[in-house]
Amino acid sequence: MLDSGTNGHVCRSKTVDTICVPMNPVLGELQFRFLEPSDVEEVKELSRDCFPINYPDSWFVEITSSPKLCSLAAVHSSRIIGMIVVEVKPFTSCNHEDSDLLSCSTCKDAQVAYILSLGVAKQHRRSGIGSVLLQQGLDHLQSSGRLKSDCKAIYLHCMVSNLTALKFYKRRGFREHSYLANYYGASAQSADAYCCVKYINGGEPPWSLSTLVVVVNKICAALKGFMSSVPCWSNRLLQFVRRHVWSSANSLPTRRL
């Protein structure tokens, strides 16, 4: 296993995990290790290959040296061909655009895991490396005691135009939570983004009008069978409630997806 410090921060040793990725026998075995300051230039090269975003130099220094981040590299033939960077932090420290991730009932004293980056070199994609990186990152946080039961959500930002990445995350339980116009600004070729989230440990999204509509429909469906055996006026009442709640809810705008 990858080492972690006793204070909850990552201990950046040279210890590696070696696993087999059967989805691509050409690659054979991959090694996983923590990113180190000496990896900056190689990580920059990988980032240019993976993301159409112009990250500042300070970002590369941070992800390769900050003890607050879990930064793992997938290494093949002594070259970094993929990486994942995850931070576990208090929900209250999220940026304003992500402050509506959790419902009021689950956000108190909650932690969240933010995936800052997950990428694989183009020539090694569609081989299962991204899936293994994601699992390795989360497994390490779990085993090191940083991903505890008070962590209620895992979230990330993804370009609206990156349909391949969106499908990747949806297959792994993430869903589009909100649309962030011009999130990346002038630093990327495509500025708009989705905030995608996966709820864990009982975490729940805040209530919205769309949630209300779903709940009303479920209640109406559950009552339908019961009311079929009572006087006809009750069926009319049910139809009235469904018609007017549905029309009222759908006539109001909602930001959340």
C-alpha atoms as a PDB file:
ATOM      1  CA  MET A   1       0.000   0.000   0.000  1.00  0.00           C
ATOM      2  CA  LEU A   2       1.003   3.626  -0.475  1.00  0.00           C
ATOM      3  CA  ASP A   3       2.241   5.168   2.769  1.00  0.00           C
ATOM      4  CA  SER A   4       0.394   7.920   4.594  1.00  0.00           C
ATOM      5  CA  GLY A   5       1.416  10.068   7.506  1.00  0.00           C
ATOM      6  CA  THR A   6      -0.055   9.738  10.965  1.00  0.00           C
ATOM      7  CA  ASN A   7      -1.348  13.326  10.877  1.00  0.00           C
ATOM      8  CA  GLY A   8      -3.660  12.588   7.964  1.00  0.00           C
ATOM      9  CA  HIS A   9      -1.370  14.208   5.413  1.00  0.00           C
ATOM     10  CA  VAL A  10       0.226  12.272   2.594  1.00  0.00           C
ATOM     11  CA  CYS A  11       3.694  10.940   3.224  1.00  0.00           C
ATOM     12  CA  ARG A  12       5.457  11.293  -0.119  1.00  0.00           C
ATOM     13  CA  SER A  13       7.699   8.237  -0.131  1.00  0.00           C
ATOM     14  CA  LYS A  14       8.962   6.370  -3.148  1.00  0.00           C
ATOM     15  CA  THR A  15       6.920   3.299  -2.207  1.00  0.00           C
ATOM     16  CA  VAL A  16       4.873   2.050  -5.134  1.00  0.00           C
ATOM     17  CA  ASP A  17       1.999  -0.298  -5.761  1.00  0.00           C
ATOM     18  CA  THR A  18       2.285  -2.603  -8.759  1.00  0.00           C
ATOM     19  CA  ILE A  19      -0.890  -4.003 -10.258  1.00  0.00           C
ATOM     20  CA  CYS A  20      -1.902  -5.690 -13.473  1.00  0.00           C
ATOM     21  CA  VAL A  21      -4.347  -3.948 -15.824  1.00  0.00           C
ATOM     22  CA  PRO A  22      -5.897  -6.819 -17.818  1.00  0.00           C
ATOM     23  CA  MET A  23      -7.862  -4.465 -20.103  1.00  0.00           C
ATOM     24  CA  ASN A  24      -4.659  -3.685 -22.012  1.00  0.00           C
ATOM     25  CA  PRO A  25      -2.132  -6.549 -22.062  1.00  0.00           C
ATOM     26  CA  VAL A  26       0.307  -4.409 -24.050  1.00  0.00           C
ATOM     27  CA  LEU A  27       0.883  -2.246 -20.972  1.00  0.00           C
ATOM     28  CA  GLY A  28       1.358  -5.189 -18.673  1.00  0.00           C
ATOM     29  CA  GLU A  29       2.015  -3.893 -15.173  1.00  0.00           C
ATOM     30  CA  LEU A  30       1.519  -0.353 -13.951  1.00  0.00           C
ATOM     31  CA  GLN A  31       3.167   1.240 -10.940  1.00  0.00           C
ATOM     32  CA  PHE A  32       1.461   3.826  -8.754  1.00  0.00           C
ATOM     33  CA  ARG A  33       3.350   6.344  -6.644  1.00  0.00           C
ATOM     34  CA  PHE A  34       2.906   9.805  -5.227  1.00  0.00           C
ATOM     35  CA  LEU A  35       3.821  12.786  -7.350  1.00  0.00           C
ATOM     36  CA  GLU A  36       6.999  14.555  -6.252  1.00  0.00           C
ATOM     37  CA  PRO A  37       8.417  18.059  -6.863  1.00  0.00           C
ATOM     38  CA  SER A  38      10.839  16.599  -9.394  1.00  0.00           C
ATOM     39  CA  ASP A  39       7.831  15.528 -11.517  1.00  0.00           C
ATOM     40  CA  VAL A  40       6.711  19.077 -12.341  1.00  0.00           C
ATOM     41  CA  GLU A  41       7.941  19.191 -15.930  1.00  0.00           C
ATOM     42  CA  GLU A  42       6.657  15.712 -16.748  1.00  0.00           C
ATOM     43  CA  VAL A  43       3.268  16.537 -15.195  1.00  0.00           C
ATOM     44  CA  LYS A  44       3.099  19.720 -17.283  1.00  0.00           C
ATOM     45  CA  GLU A  45       3.653  17.643 -20.414  1.00  0.00           C
ATOM     46  CA  LEU A  46       0.951  15.177 -19.376  1.00  0.00           C
ATOM     47  CA  SER A  47      -1.443  18.031 -18.592  1.00  0.00           C
ATOM     48  CA  ARG A  48      -0.964  19.562 -22.036  1.00  0.00           C
ATOM     49  CA  ASP A  49      -1.756  16.163 -23.537  1.00  0.00           C
ATOM     50  CA  CYS A  50      -4.870  15.652 -21.384  1.00  0.00           C
ATOM     51  CA  PHE A  51      -6.508  19.034 -20.842  1.00  0.00           C
ATOM     52  CA  PRO A  52      -7.142  22.097 -23.042  1.00  0.00           C
ATOM     53  CA  ILE A  53      -6.519  24.308 -20.012  1.00  0.00           C
ATOM     54  CA  ASN A  54      -3.606  26.656 -19.360  1.00  0.00           C
ATOM     55  CA  TYR A  55      -2.768  25.975 -15.716  1.00  0.00           C
ATOM     56  CA  PRO A  56      -0.347  28.373 -13.977  1.00  0.00           C
ATOM     57  CA  ASP A  57       3.034  27.085 -12.837  1.00  0.00           C
ATOM     58  CA  SER A  58       1.948  27.461  -9.206  1.00  0.00           C
ATOM     59  CA  TRP A  59      -0.747  24.815  -9.758  1.00  0.00           C
ATOM     60  CA  PHE A  60       1.821  22.222 -10.829  1.00  0.00           C
ATOM     61  CA  VAL A  61       4.026  23.062  -7.852  1.00  0.00           C
ATOM     62  CA  GLU A  62       1.062  22.615  -5.511  1.00  0.00           C
ATOM     63  CA  ILE A  63      -0.144  19.248  -6.811  1.00  0.00           C
ATOM     64  CA  THR A  64       3.357  17.769  -6.723  1.00  0.00           C
ATOM     65  CA  SER A  65       4.310  18.999  -3.248  1.00  0.00           C
ATOM     66  CA  SER A  66       1.284  19.874  -1.079  1.00  0.00           C
ATOM     67  CA  PRO A  67       0.759  17.400   1.798  1.00  0.00           C
ATOM     68  CA  LYS A  68      -2.964  18.262   1.778  1.00  0.00           C
ATOM     69  CA  LEU A  69      -3.457  16.597  -1.598  1.00  0.00           C
ATOM     70  CA  CYS A  70      -3.501  12.947  -2.571  1.00  0.00           C
ATOM     71  CA  SER A  71      -1.614  13.090  -5.888  1.00  0.00           C
ATOM     72  CA  LEU A  72      -0.997   9.719  -7.511  1.00  0.00           C
ATOM     73  CA  ALA A  73       0.831   8.946 -10.724  1.00  0.00           C
ATOM     74  CA  ALA A  74       0.387   5.911 -12.957  1.00  0.00           C
ATOM     75  CA  VAL A  75       3.846   4.980 -14.225  1.00  0.00           C
ATOM     76  CA  HIS A  76       4.729   2.710 -17.147  1.00  0.00           C
ATOM     77  CA  SER A  77       8.286   2.181 -18.397  1.00  0.00           C
ATOM     78  CA  SER A  78       9.463   4.922 -16.004  1.00  0.00           C
ATOM     79  CA  ARG A  79       7.082   7.454 -17.592  1.00  0.00           C
ATOM     80  CA  ILE A  80       4.062   9.094 -15.987  1.00  0.00           C
ATOM     81  CA  ILE A  81       1.094   8.233 -18.214  1.00  0.00           C
ATOM     82  CA  GLY A  82      -1.728   9.228 -15.896  1.00  0.00           C
ATOM     83  CA  MET A  83      -2.502  11.009 -12.651  1.00  0.00           C
ATOM     84  CA  ILE A  84      -5.240  11.764 -10.155  1.00  0.00           C
ATOM     85  CA  VAL A  85      -5.286  14.588  -7.611  1.00  0.00           C
ATOM     86  CA  VAL A  86      -7.862  14.538  -4.802  1.00  0.00           C
ATOM     87  CA  GLU A  87      -8.411  16.749  -1.780  1.00  0.00           C
ATOM     88  CA  VAL A  88     -10.613  15.919   1.216  1.00  0.00           C
ATOM     89  CA  LYS A  89     -11.811  19.113   2.873  1.00  0.00           C
ATOM     90  CA  PRO A  90     -14.645  20.556   4.986  1.00  0.00           C
ATOM     91  CA  PHE A  91     -17.802  21.229   3.007  1.00  0.00           C
ATOM     92  CA  THR A  92     -17.813  24.757   4.410  1.00  0.00           C
ATOM     93  CA  SER A  93     -14.552  25.497   2.570  1.00  0.00           C
ATOM     94  CA  CYS A  94     -16.026  24.812  -0.883  1.00  0.00           C
ATOM     95  CA  ASN A  95     -16.088  27.668  -3.352  1.00  0.00           C
ATOM     96  CA  HIS A  96     -19.330  29.599  -3.701  1.00  0.00           C
ATOM     97  CA  GLU A  97     -20.351  27.826  -6.914  1.00  0.00           C
ATOM     98  CA  ASP A  98     -20.185  24.480  -5.096  1.00  0.00           C
ATOM     99  CA  SER A  99     -21.835  25.575  -1.841  1.00  0.00           C
ATOM    100  CA  ASP A 100     -25.132  23.880  -2.759  1.00  0.00           C
ATOM    101  CA  LEU A 101     -23.782  20.333  -3.090  1.00  0.00           C
ATOM    102  CA  LEU A 102     -25.362  19.001   0.110  1.00  0.00           C
ATOM    103  CA  SER A 103     -28.740  19.285   1.772  1.00  0.00           C
ATOM    104  CA  CYS A 104     -29.037  21.103   5.093  1.00  0.00           C
ATOM    105  CA  SER A 105     -29.606  17.791   6.868  1.00  0.00           C
ATOM    106  CA  THR A 106     -26.238  16.376   5.780  1.00  0.00           C
ATOM    107  CA  CYS A 107     -23.941  19.394   5.373  1.00  0.00           C
ATOM    108  CA  LYS A 108     -23.262  20.152   9.049  1.00  0.00           C
ATOM    109  CA  ASP A 109     -19.635  19.253   9.871  1.00  0.00           C
ATOM    110  CA  ALA A 110     -19.501  17.256   6.610  1.00  0.00           C
ATOM    111  CA  GLN A 111     -16.395  16.618   4.538  1.00  0.00           C
ATOM    112  CA  VAL A 112     -16.247  16.352   0.757  1.00  0.00           C
ATOM    113  CA  ALA A 113     -13.670  14.884  -1.625  1.00  0.00           C
ATOM    114  CA  TYR A 114     -12.773  17.115  -4.560  1.00  0.00           C
ATOM    115  CA  ILE A 115     -11.119  15.585  -7.619  1.00  0.00           C
ATOM    116  CA  LEU A 116      -8.910  18.390  -8.896  1.00  0.00           C
ATOM    117  CA  SER A 117      -7.568  16.371 -11.797  1.00  0.00           C
ATOM    118  CA  LEU A 118      -7.830  12.937 -13.403  1.00  0.00           C
ATOM    119  CA  GLY A 119      -6.181  12.321 -16.742  1.00  0.00           C
ATOM    120  CA  VAL A 120      -4.487   9.680 -18.880  1.00  0.00           C
ATOM    121  CA  ALA A 121      -2.149  10.259 -21.821  1.00  0.00           C
ATOM    122  CA  LYS A 122      -4.020  10.022 -25.131  1.00  0.00           C
ATOM    123  CA  GLN A 123      -2.117   7.001 -26.423  1.00  0.00           C
ATOM    124  CA  HIS A 124      -3.029   4.995 -23.298  1.00  0.00           C
ATOM    125  CA  ARG A 125      -6.730   5.810 -23.050  1.00  0.00           C
ATOM    126  CA  ARG A 126      -9.553   3.266 -23.283  1.00  0.00           C
ATOM    127  CA  SER A 127      -7.378   0.722 -21.487  1.00  0.00           C
ATOM    128  CA  GLY A 128      -8.920   0.957 -18.024  1.00  0.00           C
ATOM    129  CA  ILE A 129      -6.159   3.107 -16.542  1.00  0.00           C
ATOM    130  CA  GLY A 130      -8.529   5.961 -15.680  1.00  0.00           C
ATOM    131  CA  SER A 131     -10.802   3.599 -13.760  1.00  0.00           C
ATOM    132  CA  VAL A 132      -7.859   2.104 -11.868  1.00  0.00           C
ATOM    133  CA  LEU A 133      -6.477   5.547 -11.033  1.00  0.00           C
ATOM    134  CA  LEU A 134      -9.838   6.677  -9.667  1.00  0.00           C
ATOM    135  CA  GLN A 135     -10.162   3.564  -7.531  1.00  0.00           C
ATOM    136  CA  GLN A 136      -6.539   3.721  -6.340  1.00  0.00           C
ATOM    137  CA  GLY A 137      -6.963   7.333  -5.259  1.00  0.00           C
ATOM    138  CA  LEU A 138     -10.165   6.674  -3.321  1.00  0.00           C
ATOM    139  CA  ASP A 139      -8.813   3.433  -1.846  1.00  0.00           C
ATOM    140  CA  HIS A 140      -5.759   5.250  -0.520  1.00  0.00           C
ATOM    141  CA  LEU A 141      -7.869   7.979   1.063  1.00  0.00           C
ATOM    142  CA  GLN A 142     -10.026   5.276   2.641  1.00  0.00           C
ATOM    143  CA  SER A 143      -7.108   3.229   4.005  1.00  0.00           C
ATOM    144  CA  SER A 144      -5.296   6.310   5.319  1.00  0.00           C
ATOM    145  CA  GLY A 145      -8.354   7.370   7.302  1.00  0.00           C
ATOM    146  CA  ARG A 146      -8.995  10.548   5.362  1.00  0.00           C
ATOM    147  CA  LEU A 147     -12.149   9.340   3.607  1.00  0.00           C
ATOM    148  CA  LYS A 148     -14.312   8.761   6.686  1.00  0.00           C
ATOM    149  CA  SER A 149     -18.048   8.365   7.210  1.00  0.00           C
ATOM    150  CA  ASP A 150     -18.415  12.142   7.514  1.00  0.00           C
ATOM    151  CA  CYS A 151     -17.363  12.503   3.863  1.00  0.00           C
ATOM    152  CA  LYS A 152     -20.708  12.858   2.117  1.00  0.00           C
ATOM    153  CA  ALA A 153     -19.814  13.546  -1.514  1.00  0.00           C
ATOM    154  CA  ILE A 154     -17.124  13.223  -4.162  1.00  0.00           C
ATOM    155  CA  TYR A 155     -17.254  15.954  -6.781  1.00  0.00           C
ATOM    156  CA  LEU A 156     -15.373  17.441  -9.715  1.00  0.00           C
ATOM    157  CA  HIS A 157     -15.699  19.884 -12.569  1.00  0.00           C
ATOM    158  CA  CYS A 158     -15.808  18.776 -16.190  1.00  0.00           C
ATOM    159  CA  MET A 159     -16.018  20.744 -19.416  1.00  0.00           C
ATOM    160  CA  VAL A 160     -19.463  20.633 -20.996  1.00  0.00           C
ATOM    161  CA  SER A 161     -17.816  19.799 -24.314  1.00  0.00           C
ATOM    162  CA  ASN A 162     -15.906  16.794 -22.890  1.00  0.00           C
ATOM    163  CA  LEU A 163     -18.598  14.205 -23.582  1.00  0.00           C
ATOM    164  CA  THR A 164     -16.195  11.263 -23.189  1.00  0.00           C
ATOM    165  CA  ALA A 165     -15.257  12.313 -19.656  1.00  0.00           C
ATOM    166  CA  LEU A 166     -18.894  12.964 -18.735  1.00  0.00           C
ATOM    167  CA  LYS A 167     -19.838   9.445 -19.849  1.00  0.00           C
ATOM    168  CA  PHE A 168     -16.877   8.042 -17.894  1.00  0.00           C
ATOM    169  CA  TYR A 169     -18.040   9.658 -14.653  1.00  0.00           C
ATOM    170  CA  LYS A 170     -21.725   8.799 -15.183  1.00  0.00           C
ATOM    171  CA  ARG A 171     -20.825   5.123 -15.534  1.00  0.00           C
ATOM    172  CA  ARG A 172     -19.141   5.381 -12.140  1.00  0.00           C
ATOM    173  CA  GLY A 173     -22.067   6.857 -10.283  1.00  0.00           C
ATOM    174  CA  PHE A 174     -21.502  10.576 -10.770  1.00  0.00           C
ATOM    175  CA  ARG A 175     -24.279  12.865 -11.962  1.00  0.00           C
ATOM    176  CA  GLU A 176     -24.447  16.378 -13.293  1.00  0.00           C
ATOM    177  CA  HIS A 177     -25.349  18.663 -10.416  1.00  0.00           C
ATOM    178  CA  SER A 178     -25.082  22.176 -11.826  1.00  0.00           C
ATOM    179  CA  TYR A 179     -24.116  24.065 -14.964  1.00  0.00           C
ATOM    180  CA  LEU A 180     -21.339  26.629 -14.470  1.00  0.00           C
ATOM    181  CA  ALA A 181     -21.190  29.164 -17.293  1.00  0.00           C
ATOM    182  CA  ASN A 182     -17.725  30.483 -18.115  1.00  0.00           C
ATOM    183  CA  TYR A 183     -16.224  28.463 -15.240  1.00  0.00           C
ATOM    184  CA  TYR A 184     -12.789  28.167 -16.836  1.00  0.00           C
ATOM    185  CA  GLY A 185     -12.774  31.680 -18.279  1.00  0.00           C
ATOM    186  CA  ALA A 186     -10.022  32.485 -20.754  1.00  0.00           C
ATOM    187  CA  SER A 187      -7.763  29.699 -19.467  1.00  0.00           C
ATOM    188  CA  ALA A 188      -9.491  26.997 -21.530  1.00  0.00           C
ATOM    189  CA  GLN A 189     -10.754  26.392 -25.055  1.00  0.00           C
ATOM    190  CA  SER A 190     -14.211  25.599 -23.693  1.00  0.00           C
ATOM    191  CA  ALA A 191     -15.187  27.755 -20.727  1.00  0.00           C
ATOM    192  CA  ASP A 192     -18.453  26.191 -19.508  1.00  0.00           C
ATOM    193  CA  ALA A 193     -18.436  23.298 -17.037  1.00  0.00           C
ATOM    194  CA  TYR A 194     -20.631  20.865 -15.174  1.00  0.00           C
ATOM    195  CA  CYS A 195     -20.180  20.196 -11.504  1.00  0.00           C
ATOM    196  CA  CYS A 196     -20.539  16.417 -11.225  1.00  0.00           C
ATOM    197  CA  VAL A 197     -21.119  14.718  -7.880  1.00  0.00           C
ATOM    198  CA  LYS A 198     -21.385  11.252  -6.374  1.00  0.00           C
ATOM    199  CA  TYR A 199     -23.075  11.034  -2.983  1.00  0.00           C
ATOM    200  CA  ILE A 200     -21.670   8.602  -0.421  1.00  0.00           C
ATOM    201  CA  ASN A 201     -22.196   7.748   3.254  1.00  0.00           C
ATOM    202  CA  GLY A 202     -25.783   8.992   3.262  1.00  0.00           C
ATOM    203  CA  GLY A 203     -25.030  12.328   1.624  1.00  0.00           C
ATOM    204  CA  GLU A 204     -27.971  13.945  -0.177  1.00  0.00           C
ATOM    205  CA  PRO A 205     -28.442  16.853  -2.590  1.00  0.00           C
ATOM    206  CA  PRO A 206     -30.476  19.857  -1.443  1.00  0.00           C
ATOM    207  CA  TRP A 207     -34.159  19.851  -2.286  1.00  0.00           C
ATOM    208  CA  SER A 208     -35.237  21.468  -5.545  1.00  0.00           C
ATOM    209  CA  LEU A 209     -38.464  21.808  -7.514  1.00  0.00           C
ATOM    210  CA  SER A 210     -37.516  18.844  -9.664  1.00  0.00           C
ATOM    211  CA  THR A 211     -37.021  16.783  -6.496  1.00  0.00           C
ATOM    212  CA  LEU A 212     -40.469  17.868  -5.289  1.00  0.00           C
ATOM    213  CA  VAL A 213     -42.071  16.761  -8.545  1.00  0.00           C
ATOM    214  CA  VAL A 214     -40.454  13.316  -8.255  1.00  0.00           C
ATOM    215  CA  VAL A 215     -41.634  12.925  -4.650  1.00  0.00           C
ATOM    216  CA  VAL A 216     -45.198  14.036  -5.488  1.00  0.00           C
ATOM    217  CA  ASN A 217     -45.365  11.551  -8.344  1.00  0.00           C
ATOM    218  CA  LYS A 218     -44.166   8.742  -6.071  1.00  0.00           C
ATOM    219  CA  ILE A 219     -46.759   9.625  -3.446  1.00  0.00           C
ATOM    220  CA  CYS A 220     -49.520   9.786  -6.042  1.00  0.00           C
ATOM    221  CA  ALA A 221     -48.486   6.431  -7.468  1.00  0.00           C
ATOM    222  CA  ALA A 222     -48.488   4.870  -4.001  1.00  0.00           C
ATOM    223  CA  LEU A 223     -51.945   6.282  -3.229  1.00  0.00           C
ATOM    224  CA  LYS A 224     -53.461   5.319  -6.554  1.00  0.00           C
ATOM    225  CA  GLY A 225     -54.036   1.709  -5.608  1.00  0.00           C
ATOM    226  CA  PHE A 226     -55.444   2.628  -2.214  1.00  0.00           C
ATOM    227  CA  MET A 227     -57.842   5.230  -3.558  1.00  0.00           C
ATOM    228  CA  SER A 228     -59.211   2.881  -6.197  1.00  0.00           C
ATOM    229  CA  SER A 229     -61.152   1.213  -3.420  1.00  0.00           C
ATOM    230  CA  VAL A 230     -62.638   4.388  -1.908  1.00  0.00           C
ATOM    231  CA  PRO A 231     -65.326   6.775  -3.252  1.00  0.00           C
ATOM    232  CA  CYS A 232     -64.761   8.435  -6.623  1.00  0.00           C
ATOM    233  CA  TRP A 233     -64.432  11.912  -5.110  1.00  0.00           C
ATOM    234  CA  SER A 234     -61.018  10.866  -3.675  1.00  0.00           C
ATOM    235  CA  ASN A 235     -59.770  10.024  -7.163  1.00  0.00           C
ATOM    236  CA  ARG A 236     -60.810  13.452  -8.333  1.00  0.00           C
ATOM    237  CA  LEU A 237     -58.907  14.981  -5.417  1.00  0.00           C
ATOM    238  CA  LEU A 238     -55.811  12.979  -6.366  1.00  0.00           C
ATOM    239  CA  GLN A 239     -56.030  14.145  -9.988  1.00  0.00           C
ATOM    240  CA  PHE A 240     -56.450  17.733  -8.834  1.00  0.00           C
ATOM    241  CA  VAL A 241     -53.354  17.579  -6.591  1.00  0.00           C
ATOM    242  CA  ARG A 242     -51.188  15.932  -9.247  1.00  0.00           C
ATOM    243  CA  ARG A 243     -52.284  18.340 -11.994  1.00  0.00           C
ATOM    244  CA  HIS A 244     -51.809  21.531 -10.009  1.00  0.00           C
ATOM    245  CA  VAL A 245     -48.595  20.603  -8.144  1.00  0.00           C
ATOM    246  CA  TRP A 246     -47.014  19.378 -11.378  1.00  0.00           C
ATOM    247  CA  SER A 247     -47.968  22.482 -13.355  1.00  0.00           C
ATOM    248  CA  SER A 248     -46.874  24.825 -10.562  1.00  0.00           C
ATOM    249  CA  ALA A 249     -43.507  23.129 -10.081  1.00  0.00           C
ATOM    250  CA  ASN A 250     -42.708  23.024 -13.779  1.00  0.00           C
ATOM    251  CA  SER A 251     -43.663  26.660 -14.309  1.00  0.00           C
ATOM    252  CA  LEU A 252     -40.870  27.859 -12.000  1.00  0.00           C
ATOM    253  CA  PRO A 253     -37.173  28.011 -13.047  1.00  0.00           C
ATOM    254  CA  THR A 254     -34.585  25.822 -11.357  1.00  0.00           C
ATOM    255  CA  ARG A 255     -30.809  26.116 -11.558  1.00  0.00           C
ATOM    256  CA  ARG A 256     -29.915  22.623 -10.437  1.00  0.00           C
ATOM    257  CA  LEU A 257     -29.836  19.831 -13.019  1.00  0.00           C
END
